[in-house]
Amino acid sequence: MSRRRLHRAFALALSTLVLARCASVDPPPDLQPVDYQSVDSRIRLELLGRDAMGFYDIGGTVPAAYDPPSKRMFVLSEDRGWIDAVDISDPVAPKLVERLVLLGYGGFPQSVAISRGIVAVALSNRIKTLPGKVLFFDADGQRIGDIVRVGVKPVELRFTPDGRQLVVVNQGEANDSYT
């Protein structure tokens, strides 16, 4: 399997872990492994471990970001206004390492991306028609760099392959009178 396909398979497996993270403490009894197959590759997904976020049936998460060197997954809770750094070096027993509360930055977390140990977090403005911002942290949760003002409702972040630039997708938002 190529590195690219292996990376995609790993990302899919991590997404499964993120979904499990939002679920109740015990997996449903009918949660069975799932197999995916294409012409030249095969992947099997099964629940290895789970880390409860401390609440159930309230809010949820957006897609997580994984940092291979630290073996940490960064998971945002938009409704709660925080980002969790979860150690998944032992995927059977994921552990919360750090919870960063983002409410003091004046917005709601929308997306997370990581490259070369730098975690970027997009925050939408509390006033839906005003610009959002991007915050930067290291893999240990320490704020680094300046806060960068971006467009209205930044909903997706991606670093370029070389990790030197960050692409921000802004959804935009109309005001209540659509003017």
Foldseek 3Di string as FASTA:
>chain_A
DDPVVVVVLVLVLVQVQQVLQQADQDDPPPQDWDKDDDPPDIDIHHQQAYHHPPDHPPAGWDRWEADVVQCWIWIFGQVQQWIWTWRCPPVNYIHTQDIGHHVVVAFTWAEWYDDPQKIKTWGAHPQQQAWTWIWIAGSNGHTDDDIGTDHGAFHYWDADPVRPDIDTDHPHDAPPVRD
